[in-house]
Protein backbone atom coordinates (compact mmCIF):
# COMPACT_ATOMS: atom_id res chain seq x y z
CA MET A 1 20.97 -11.24 18.98
CA ASN A 2 20.96 -12.90 16.31
CA GLU A 3 20.99 -12.53 12.88
CA GLU A 4 17.46 -13.55 12.64
CA LEU A 5 16.09 -11.03 14.95
CA LEU A 6 18.99 -8.42 13.60
CA ASP A 7 16.43 -8.87 10.61
CA ARG A 8 13.23 -8.97 11.59
CA LEU A 9 14.34 -5.67 13.32
CA ALA A 10 15.22 -4.11 10.02
CA ILE A 11 12.21 -5.32 7.92
CA ARG A 12 9.86 -4.07 10.76
CA ALA A 13 11.92 -0.01 10.91
CA LEU A 14 11.49 -0.51 6.98
CA VAL A 15 7.62 -1.36 6.60
CA GLU A 16 7.36 1.64 9.66
CA ASN A 17 10.05 4.38 7.62
CA TRP A 18 7.53 3.83 4.06
CA ALA A 19 4.68 5.08 5.92
CA VAL A 20 6.36 7.75 7.95
CA TRP A 21 8.76 9.40 5.35
CA ARG A 22 6.04 8.74 2.46
CA ASP A 23 2.90 10.39 4.05
CA ALA A 24 5.42 12.79 5.21
CA GLY A 25 6.16 13.95 1.74
CA ASP A 26 10.49 13.18 2.68
CA TRP A 27 11.00 11.52 -0.75
CA GLU A 28 14.62 11.80 -0.88
CA ARG A 29 14.57 8.99 2.44
CA PHE A 30 11.29 7.45 1.13
CA ALA A 31 13.35 6.12 -2.25
CA THR A 32 16.10 4.74 0.46
CA CYS A 33 12.85 2.07 1.11
CA TRP A 34 13.15 0.81 -2.18
CA HIS A 35 15.35 -1.61 -4.15
CA GLU A 36 16.70 -0.56 -8.11
CA ASP A 37 13.77 -2.86 -9.45
CA GLY A 38 11.27 -1.93 -7.08
CA PHE A 39 7.59 -2.18 -7.71
CA MET A 40 4.11 -0.38 -6.11
CA MET A 41 0.57 -1.73 -6.58
CA ALA A 42 -2.03 0.88 -5.30
CA THR A 43 -5.62 1.46 -6.50
CA TRP A 44 -4.72 4.29 -8.27
CA CYS A 45 -1.22 3.93 -9.45
CA GLN A 46 0.98 0.85 -10.42
CA ALA A 47 4.58 1.77 -10.90
CA PRO A 48 8.09 1.06 -10.50
CA TRP A 49 9.00 3.28 -7.56
CA ARG A 50 10.41 5.90 -8.72
CA ASP A 51 7.55 7.04 -11.06
CA PHE A 52 5.20 6.13 -7.81
CA ILE A 53 7.32 8.31 -5.98
CA ALA A 54 6.23 10.79 -8.80
CA ALA A 55 3.33 10.41 -9.14
CA SER A 56 2.59 10.63 -5.15
CA ARG A 57 4.89 14.43 -5.18
CA ALA A 58 2.22 15.60 -8.20
CA GLY A 59 -0.59 14.41 -6.19
CA TRP A 60 0.86 16.27 -3.10
CA ALA A 61 1.28 19.37 -4.78
CA LYS A 62 -2.38 18.99 -5.96
CA GLY A 63 -3.20 18.66 -2.06
CA VAL A 64 -4.69 14.81 -2.27
CA SER A 65 -4.19 13.89 0.95
CA ILE A 66 -3.99 9.82 1.55
CA LEU A 67 -2.18 9.52 4.91
CA HIS A 68 -1.39 5.38 6.44
CA PHE A 69 -1.64 4.40 9.96
CA LEU A 70 0.32 0.64 10.89
CA GLY A 71 -0.98 -1.97 12.89
CA GLY A 72 0.21 -5.63 13.64
CA HIS A 73 3.29 -7.07 11.66
CA SER A 74 4.49 -10.85 10.84
CA ALA A 75 7.61 -11.74 8.67
CA ASP A 76 8.05 -14.83 7.06
CA VAL A 77 11.76 -15.17 7.03
CA ALA A 78 13.77 -16.86 4.71
CA GLY A 79 17.58 -16.28 3.83
CA ASN A 80 17.71 -12.90 2.27
CA ARG A 81 14.21 -13.03 1.50
CA ALA A 82 11.13 -12.26 3.72
CA ILE A 83 7.13 -11.21 2.97
CA ALA A 84 6.11 -9.22 5.51
CA GLN A 85 2.25 -8.31 6.23
CA THR A 86 1.32 -5.41 7.82
CA LYS A 87 -2.11 -4.17 9.49
CA MET A 88 -2.69 -0.68 7.99
CA THR A 89 -5.39 2.01 7.44
CA ILE A 90 -5.52 3.80 4.56
CA SER A 91 -7.47 7.54 4.87
CA GLN A 92 -7.95 9.63 2.59
CA ARG A 93 -10.18 12.97 2.72
CA ALA A 94 -11.42 14.95 -0.40
CA GLU A 95 -14.40 16.21 -2.04
CA VAL A 96 -17.19 14.00 -3.27
CA HIS A 97 -20.62 15.36 -5.14
CA GLY A 98 -19.50 18.66 -3.61
CA VAL A 99 -18.80 17.44 -0.19
CA ARG A 100 -15.72 16.82 1.88
CA VAL A 101 -15.69 13.10 3.20
CA ASP A 102 -13.07 10.28 4.36
CA VAL A 103 -12.50 7.65 3.49
CA VAL A 104 -11.06 4.79 5.54
CA CYS A 105 -10.16 1.40 4.11
CA THR A 106 -8.67 -1.27 6.54
CA GLY A 107 -5.96 -4.04 5.17
CA ARG A 108 -2.57 -5.39 5.04
CA PHE A 109 1.13 -4.44 3.04
CA TYR A 110 1.52 -7.61 1.41
CA ASP A 111 5.61 -7.09 0.69
CA PHE A 112 8.07 -8.74 -1.21
CA LEU A 113 11.07 -8.08 0.44
CA GLU A 114 14.90 -8.70 -0.12
CA LYS A 115 18.20 -8.59 1.76
CA ARG A 116 21.14 -7.38 -1.21
CA ASP A 117 24.48 -6.49 -1.21
CA GLY A 118 25.25 -2.41 -2.10
CA PRO A 119 27.63 0.57 -1.22
CA ASP A 120 27.24 0.64 2.25
CA GLY A 121 26.55 -2.64 2.78
CA ALA A 122 23.43 -5.48 3.06
CA ARG A 123 20.29 -3.87 3.71
CA TRP A 124 16.60 -5.05 3.45
CA GLY A 125 14.62 -3.13 0.79
CA VAL A 126 11.67 -3.36 -1.01
CA VAL A 127 11.05 -5.47 -3.62
CA LEU A 128 6.82 -5.31 -4.91
CA ARG A 129 4.81 -3.97 -2.26
CA GLN A 130 0.66 -4.93 -2.99
CA PRO A 131 -2.01 -4.13 -0.52
CA ILE A 132 -4.67 -6.08 0.37
CA TYR A 133 -7.76 -4.32 1.04
CA GLU A 134 -10.36 -5.91 3.19
CA LYS A 135 -12.99 -3.40 4.01
CA ASP A 136 -13.60 0.73 4.27
CA ARG A 137 -16.42 3.16 4.34
CA MET A 138 -17.30 6.96 3.64
CA ASP A 139 -18.24 9.37 6.33
CA PRO A 140 -18.55 13.35 5.65
CA VAL A 141 -16.25 15.59 7.82
CA ASP A 142 -19.46 17.63 8.59
CA PRO A 143 -21.27 14.73 9.76
CA ALA A 144 -24.86 16.74 9.26
CA ALA A 145 -23.67 16.77 5.20
CA ARG A 146 -26.00 14.79 3.21
CA LEU A 147 -24.39 12.79 0.59
CA ALA A 148 -25.34 10.55 -2.36
CA LEU A 149 -23.45 7.69 -4.30
CA ASP A 150 -23.80 6.44 -7.47
CA PRO A 151 -24.93 2.84 -6.67
CA ALA A 152 -23.91 1.32 -10.30
CA LEU A 153 -20.40 3.13 -9.87
CA LEU A 154 -19.97 2.10 -6.37
CA ALA A 155 -20.65 -1.91 -7.46
CA ARG A 156 -18.20 -1.48 -10.09
CA PHE A 157 -15.61 -1.91 -7.14
CA PRO A 158 -14.52 -4.93 -5.28
CA GLU A 159 -15.79 -4.79 -1.72
CA GLY A 160 -12.92 -4.04 0.19
CA TYR A 161 -12.38 -0.93 -1.33
CA ARG A 162 -15.42 0.12 -3.31
CA HIS A 163 -15.81 3.67 -1.39
CA LEU A 164 -11.69 4.48 -1.73
CA ALA A 165 -12.39 3.82 -5.21
CA TYR A 166 -15.42 6.00 -5.81
CA LEU A 167 -13.44 8.91 -4.01
CA GLN A 168 -9.82 8.11 -5.93
CA THR A 169 -12.11 8.04 -9.42
CA GLN A 170 -14.17 11.55 -8.54
CA ILE A 171 -10.87 13.22 -7.96
CA GLY A 172 -10.14 11.95 -12.10
CA TYR A 173 -7.76 8.16 -10.53
CA ALA A 174 -8.01 5.42 -13.10
CA VAL A 175 -8.68 2.64 -10.44
CA LYS A 176 -7.47 -1.03 -10.60
CA THR A 177 -10.28 -3.04 -10.15
CA ASP A 178 -9.11 -6.48 -9.58
CA MET A 179 -6.70 -5.83 -6.59
CA PRO A 180 -6.93 -8.66 -3.41
CA GLY A 181 -9.25 -8.58 -0.79
CA LEU A 182 -10.05 -10.44 2.42
CA GLN A 183 -10.98 -13.27 0.77
CA GLY A 184 -11.04 -14.81 -3.14
CA PRO A 185 -9.19 -16.09 -5.57
CA GLU A 186 -6.64 -12.69 -6.23
CA VAL A 187 -5.49 -12.85 -2.39
CA GLU A 188 -4.88 -16.88 -2.87
CA ALA A 189 -2.81 -16.14 -5.94
CA LEU A 190 -0.76 -13.36 -3.98
CA THR A 191 0.23 -16.01 -1.14
CA ALA A 192 0.92 -18.77 -3.91
CA ARG A 193 3.10 -15.65 -4.98
CA GLY A 194 4.39 -15.25 -1.67
CA ALA A 195 5.45 -18.49 -1.10
CA ARG A 196 7.22 -19.24 -4.17
CA TRP A 197 9.51 -15.83 -3.52
CA LEU A 198 10.63 -17.04 -0.26
CA ALA A 199 11.41 -20.24 -2.56
CA GLY A 200 13.66 -18.76 -4.32
CA GLY A 201 11.34 -17.98 -7.44
CA PRO A 202 10.05 -15.14 -8.66
CA HIS A 203 7.43 -12.92 -7.21
CA GLY A 204 5.14 -12.03 -10.38
């Protein structure tokens, strides 16, 4: 197989390992997905990868339930850099106003990746992961339960993740309110940053 195909297989494996190891609480292997300067952007946590793992472990210990499911995948590869986009759903379960609910948010992982030399040879790793939040919904686990949301609180958050943000706010997280969605200036700025990354520039 040629080098580009091997790179694409390695990138896809990296994306899948991230989801499986994170959701399984396999923190030691999850740490290998990142480069040393890796950074995670999520609704509830924007931090260097070590801090993100620490926050994830703390949530895990408290029973926070966040799971990921992956779908279609595309990668733009330019030498030792890549932008990977992977369709995904985030599923989170918690109590909202005394009612146990599931929130499912559909979107994409938008990953700034780089292949770097290390002690075990060259490997691909995450430099920045920025989810794109496209649409979401909230459903009571018990379909007979009655749930009334605060319209003013719900309206504080972008349409693509407002129910996810509502739930996360209820369990004590400060949620970022300007994450990219399916359309709009935030996602346009993100794709421009991706183009600069592929051209050899910074991701910021």
